[in-house]
């Protein structure tokens, strides 16, 4: 199921990421300013969940997948998964800047956002297939729903409260306290519920569309 050919998404990921970085490099030379250089770091963080999913897929394809190596990979993936669609929120930095037209900045931000979103969907697909094979279709879609909601919440934590994935290790107590506060009184935090629900819905709906397209492509390939 998860053969090496199943990981064909690596090529479009590398292509879209390269286009995004080239556009940023052109902007840096064009403007002579270091604006938007943070996008490179954000793109790297978006690649982390995708890379973890590829590793899980390779372990499965070679018959090496066991609970003791998939569990830590899955936890690490879930913690880093929001980093992929998070790139969409970098549009808040879009504004008129000297030296470069705003349409170019919009296109550049879109290229980074598309790369991150693509890596997120591809990584989610790998884990969904693994769950489906081990526990069935219902459990797999339950996992997709849970991951989408947690992703929306993670985007809120990152964009509005400036928490990062590695704070689970470096500041676990403070992060846990913040999460407890959100769970106990969610409506007292501005944008918490709205951000979580909107991005959860976007991730889920885009994955449904992605999954439908993949299924139709497979069906057409079999019929051919």
Protein backbone atom coordinates (compact mmCIF):
# COMPACT_ATOMS: atom_id res chain seq x y z
CA UNK A 1 0.00 0.00 0.00
CA UNK A 2 2.55 2.58 1.10
CA UNK A 3 5.21 1.65 -1.42
CA UNK A 4 7.96 4.04 -2.41
CA UNK A 5 5.78 5.12 -5.34
CA UNK A 6 3.16 6.10 -2.80
CA UNK A 7 5.53 8.86 -1.71
CA UNK A 8 5.36 10.57 -5.10
CA UNK A 9 4.36 13.78 -3.35
CA UNK A 10 8.03 14.49 -2.65
CA UNK A 11 8.56 15.91 -6.15
CA UNK A 12 5.76 18.53 -6.07
CA UNK A 13 6.77 19.41 -2.50
CA UNK A 14 10.35 20.08 -3.56
CA UNK A 15 9.19 21.95 -6.66
CA UNK A 16 6.74 24.20 -4.81
CA UNK A 17 9.23 24.84 -2.03
CA UNK A 18 11.93 25.74 -4.53
CA UNK A 19 9.62 28.18 -6.32
CA UNK A 20 8.79 29.84 -3.00
CA UNK A 21 12.43 30.19 -1.97
CA UNK A 22 13.44 31.50 -5.41
CA UNK A 23 10.72 34.15 -5.21
CA UNK A 24 11.96 35.17 -1.78
CA UNK A 25 15.54 35.37 -3.03
CA UNK A 26 14.40 37.54 -5.93
CA UNK A 27 12.59 39.80 -3.49
CA UNK A 28 15.65 40.13 -1.25
CA UNK A 29 17.80 41.17 -4.20
CA UNK A 30 15.07 43.41 -5.59
CA UNK A 31 14.44 45.31 -2.35
CA UNK A 32 17.85 45.09 -0.69
CA UNK A 33 16.03 44.37 2.57
CA UNK A 34 15.73 41.25 4.72
CA UNK A 35 11.95 41.41 4.91
CA UNK A 36 10.17 38.03 4.94
CA UNK A 37 13.38 36.07 5.59
CA UNK A 38 11.49 34.32 8.41
CA UNK A 39 9.52 32.46 5.73
CA UNK A 40 12.48 30.14 5.17
CA UNK A 41 12.35 29.00 8.79
CA UNK A 42 8.58 28.61 8.64
CA UNK A 43 8.92 26.52 5.49
CA UNK A 44 11.45 24.28 7.20
CA UNK A 45 9.08 23.82 10.15
CA UNK A 46 6.34 22.90 7.67
CA UNK A 47 8.61 20.23 6.20
CA UNK A 48 9.06 18.55 9.61
CA UNK A 49 5.62 16.85 9.78
CA UNK A 50 5.91 15.87 6.14
CA UNK A 51 9.34 14.34 6.74
CA UNK A 52 8.04 12.44 9.78
CA UNK A 53 5.16 11.07 7.72
CA UNK A 54 7.55 9.99 4.97
CA UNK A 55 9.65 8.17 7.54
CA UNK A 56 6.58 6.40 8.92
CA UNK A 57 5.57 5.44 5.39
CA UNK A 58 9.01 4.06 4.59
CA UNK A 59 9.06 2.01 7.80
CA UNK A 60 5.67 0.58 6.89
CA UNK A 61 6.67 -0.14 3.29
CA UNK A 62 9.71 -2.11 4.46
CA UNK A 63 7.83 -4.02 7.14
CA UNK A 64 9.63 -2.26 9.98
CA UNK A 65 6.66 -0.40 11.42
CA UNK A 66 6.08 -1.32 15.06
CA UNK A 67 4.13 0.43 17.80
CA UNK A 68 7.35 1.46 19.57
CA UNK A 69 8.64 3.38 16.55
CA UNK A 70 5.32 4.58 15.07
CA UNK A 71 4.02 5.96 18.38
CA UNK A 72 6.80 8.52 18.94
CA UNK A 73 6.73 9.40 15.24
CA UNK A 74 2.97 9.93 15.43
CA UNK A 75 3.20 12.11 18.54
CA UNK A 76 6.00 14.19 17.00
CA UNK A 77 3.99 14.51 13.79
CA UNK A 78 0.85 15.63 15.63
CA UNK A 79 2.79 18.27 17.57
CA UNK A 80 4.44 19.63 14.42
CA UNK A 81 1.47 19.22 12.04
CA UNK A 82 0.09 22.76 12.61
CA UNK A 83 3.40 24.17 11.30
CA UNK A 84 2.40 23.19 7.74
CA UNK A 85 -0.92 25.08 7.32
CA UNK A 86 0.37 27.79 9.67
CA UNK A 87 2.13 29.38 6.68
CA UNK A 88 -1.26 30.63 5.48
CA UNK A 89 -1.39 32.97 8.48
CA UNK A 90 1.76 34.73 7.30
CA UNK A 91 -0.53 36.77 5.04
CA UNK A 92 -0.95 39.07 8.05
CA UNK A 93 2.44 40.50 7.05
CA UNK A 94 1.12 41.59 3.65
CA UNK A 95 1.17 45.36 3.37
CA UNK A 96 2.65 48.00 1.05
CA UNK A 97 6.43 48.06 1.39
CA UNK A 98 8.98 50.26 -0.39
CA UNK A 99 10.74 48.86 -3.42
CA UNK A 100 8.53 45.85 -4.16
CA UNK A 101 4.93 45.88 -5.43
CA UNK A 102 2.39 44.32 -3.10
CA UNK A 103 1.16 41.91 -5.80
CA UNK A 104 4.59 40.26 -5.82
CA UNK A 105 4.55 39.88 -2.05
CA UNK A 106 1.06 38.38 -2.27
CA UNK A 107 2.21 35.86 -4.87
CA UNK A 108 5.30 34.99 -2.83
CA UNK A 109 3.30 34.47 0.36
CA UNK A 110 0.84 32.34 -1.60
CA UNK A 111 3.68 30.14 -2.84
CA UNK A 112 4.89 29.54 0.71
CA UNK A 113 1.35 28.95 1.96
CA UNK A 114 0.61 26.49 -0.86
CA UNK A 115 3.83 24.57 -0.13
CA UNK A 116 2.97 24.31 3.56
CA UNK A 117 -0.62 23.29 2.93
CA UNK A 118 0.47 20.65 0.41
CA UNK A 119 2.94 19.14 2.86
CA UNK A 120 0.25 19.11 5.52
CA UNK A 121 -2.24 17.26 3.32
CA UNK A 122 0.34 14.74 2.12
CA UNK A 123 1.49 14.02 5.65
CA UNK A 124 -2.10 13.65 6.88
CA UNK A 125 -2.79 11.21 4.06
CA UNK A 126 0.10 8.96 5.10
CA UNK A 127 -1.15 8.69 8.68
CA UNK A 128 -4.74 8.25 7.57
CA UNK A 129 -3.73 5.28 5.41
CA UNK A 130 -1.77 3.76 8.27
CA UNK A 131 -4.72 4.12 10.64
CA UNK A 132 -7.12 2.73 8.06
CA UNK A 133 -5.00 -0.34 7.47
CA UNK A 134 -4.62 -1.09 11.18
CA UNK A 135 -7.99 -0.08 12.66
CA UNK A 136 -10.39 0.46 9.77
CA UNK A 137 -11.92 3.33 7.83
CA UNK A 138 -14.02 4.78 10.67
CA UNK A 139 -11.04 5.03 13.01
CA UNK A 140 -8.94 6.58 10.25
CA UNK A 141 -11.46 9.33 9.55
CA UNK A 142 -11.83 9.87 13.28
CA UNK A 143 -8.09 10.43 13.38
CA UNK A 144 -8.33 12.91 10.50
CA UNK A 145 -11.05 14.84 12.32
CA UNK A 146 -9.10 14.90 15.58
CA UNK A 147 -5.90 15.97 13.81
CA UNK A 148 -7.78 18.76 12.01
CA UNK A 149 -9.19 20.15 15.27
CA UNK A 150 -5.83 19.93 17.05
CA UNK A 151 -4.22 21.57 14.03
CA UNK A 152 -6.63 24.50 14.24
CA UNK A 153 -5.89 24.85 17.94
CA UNK A 154 -2.15 24.62 17.28
CA UNK A 155 -2.40 27.43 14.74
CA UNK A 156 -4.11 29.58 17.37
CA UNK A 157 -1.37 28.78 19.89
CA UNK A 158 1.32 29.70 17.40
CA UNK A 159 -0.16 32.81 15.83
CA UNK A 160 -1.83 34.49 18.79
CA UNK A 161 0.02 33.18 21.86
CA UNK A 162 3.38 32.57 20.15
CA UNK A 163 3.86 29.00 21.37
CA UNK A 164 6.06 26.70 19.30
CA UNK A 165 6.18 22.92 18.92
CA UNK A 166 9.44 22.63 20.86
CA UNK A 167 7.92 24.33 23.89
CA UNK A 168 6.45 20.92 24.71
CA UNK A 169 10.01 20.00 25.71
CA UNK A 170 11.46 23.35 26.76
CA UNK A 171 8.47 24.84 28.63
CA UNK A 172 6.04 21.96 29.27
CA UNK A 173 4.67 23.35 32.53
CA UNK A 174 3.79 26.77 31.15
CA UNK A 175 2.30 25.28 27.99
CA UNK A 176 0.19 22.80 29.96
CA UNK A 177 -1.07 25.60 32.18
CA UNK A 178 -2.06 27.65 29.13
CA UNK A 179 -3.90 24.69 27.57
CA UNK A 180 -5.80 24.07 30.82
CA UNK A 181 -6.84 27.71 30.84
CA UNK A 182 -8.12 27.44 27.26
CA UNK A 183 -10.08 24.28 28.05
CA UNK A 184 -11.64 25.67 31.22
CA UNK A 185 -12.68 29.06 29.84
CA UNK A 186 -12.39 29.01 26.04
CA UNK A 187 -14.71 31.96 25.45
CA UNK A 188 -12.56 34.32 27.49
CA UNK A 189 -9.72 34.05 24.95
CA UNK A 190 -10.25 36.20 21.90
CA UNK A 191 -9.99 34.30 18.60
CA UNK A 192 -9.47 30.90 20.31
CA UNK A 193 -12.73 29.25 19.26
CA UNK A 194 -12.99 31.00 15.90
CA UNK A 195 -9.41 30.29 14.83
CA UNK A 196 -9.59 26.66 15.94
CA UNK A 197 -12.89 25.96 14.18
CA UNK A 198 -12.12 27.83 10.96
CA UNK A 199 -8.74 26.21 10.41
CA UNK A 200 -10.02 22.81 11.51
CA UNK A 201 -12.77 23.09 8.89
CA UNK A 202 -10.34 24.26 6.20
CA UNK A 203 -7.93 21.39 6.86
CA UNK A 204 -10.74 18.84 6.93
CA UNK A 205 -12.49 20.11 3.81
CA UNK A 206 -9.28 20.45 1.83
CA UNK A 207 -8.29 16.93 2.83
CA UNK A 208 -11.69 15.61 1.74
CA UNK A 209 -11.17 17.23 -1.66
CA UNK A 210 -7.60 15.91 -1.81
CA UNK A 211 -8.70 12.38 -0.88
CA UNK A 212 -11.48 12.44 -3.48
CA UNK A 213 -9.03 13.50 -6.18
CA UNK A 214 -6.52 10.81 -5.20
CA UNK A 215 -9.23 8.12 -5.21
CA UNK A 216 -10.48 9.14 -8.63
CA UNK A 217 -6.95 9.14 -10.02
CA UNK A 218 -6.41 5.63 -8.67
CA UNK A 219 -9.70 4.43 -10.15
CA UNK A 220 -8.87 5.93 -13.54
CA UNK A 221 -5.42 4.30 -13.45
CA UNK A 222 -6.89 0.89 -12.68
CA UNK A 223 -9.46 1.17 -15.46
CA UNK A 224 -6.77 2.20 -17.92
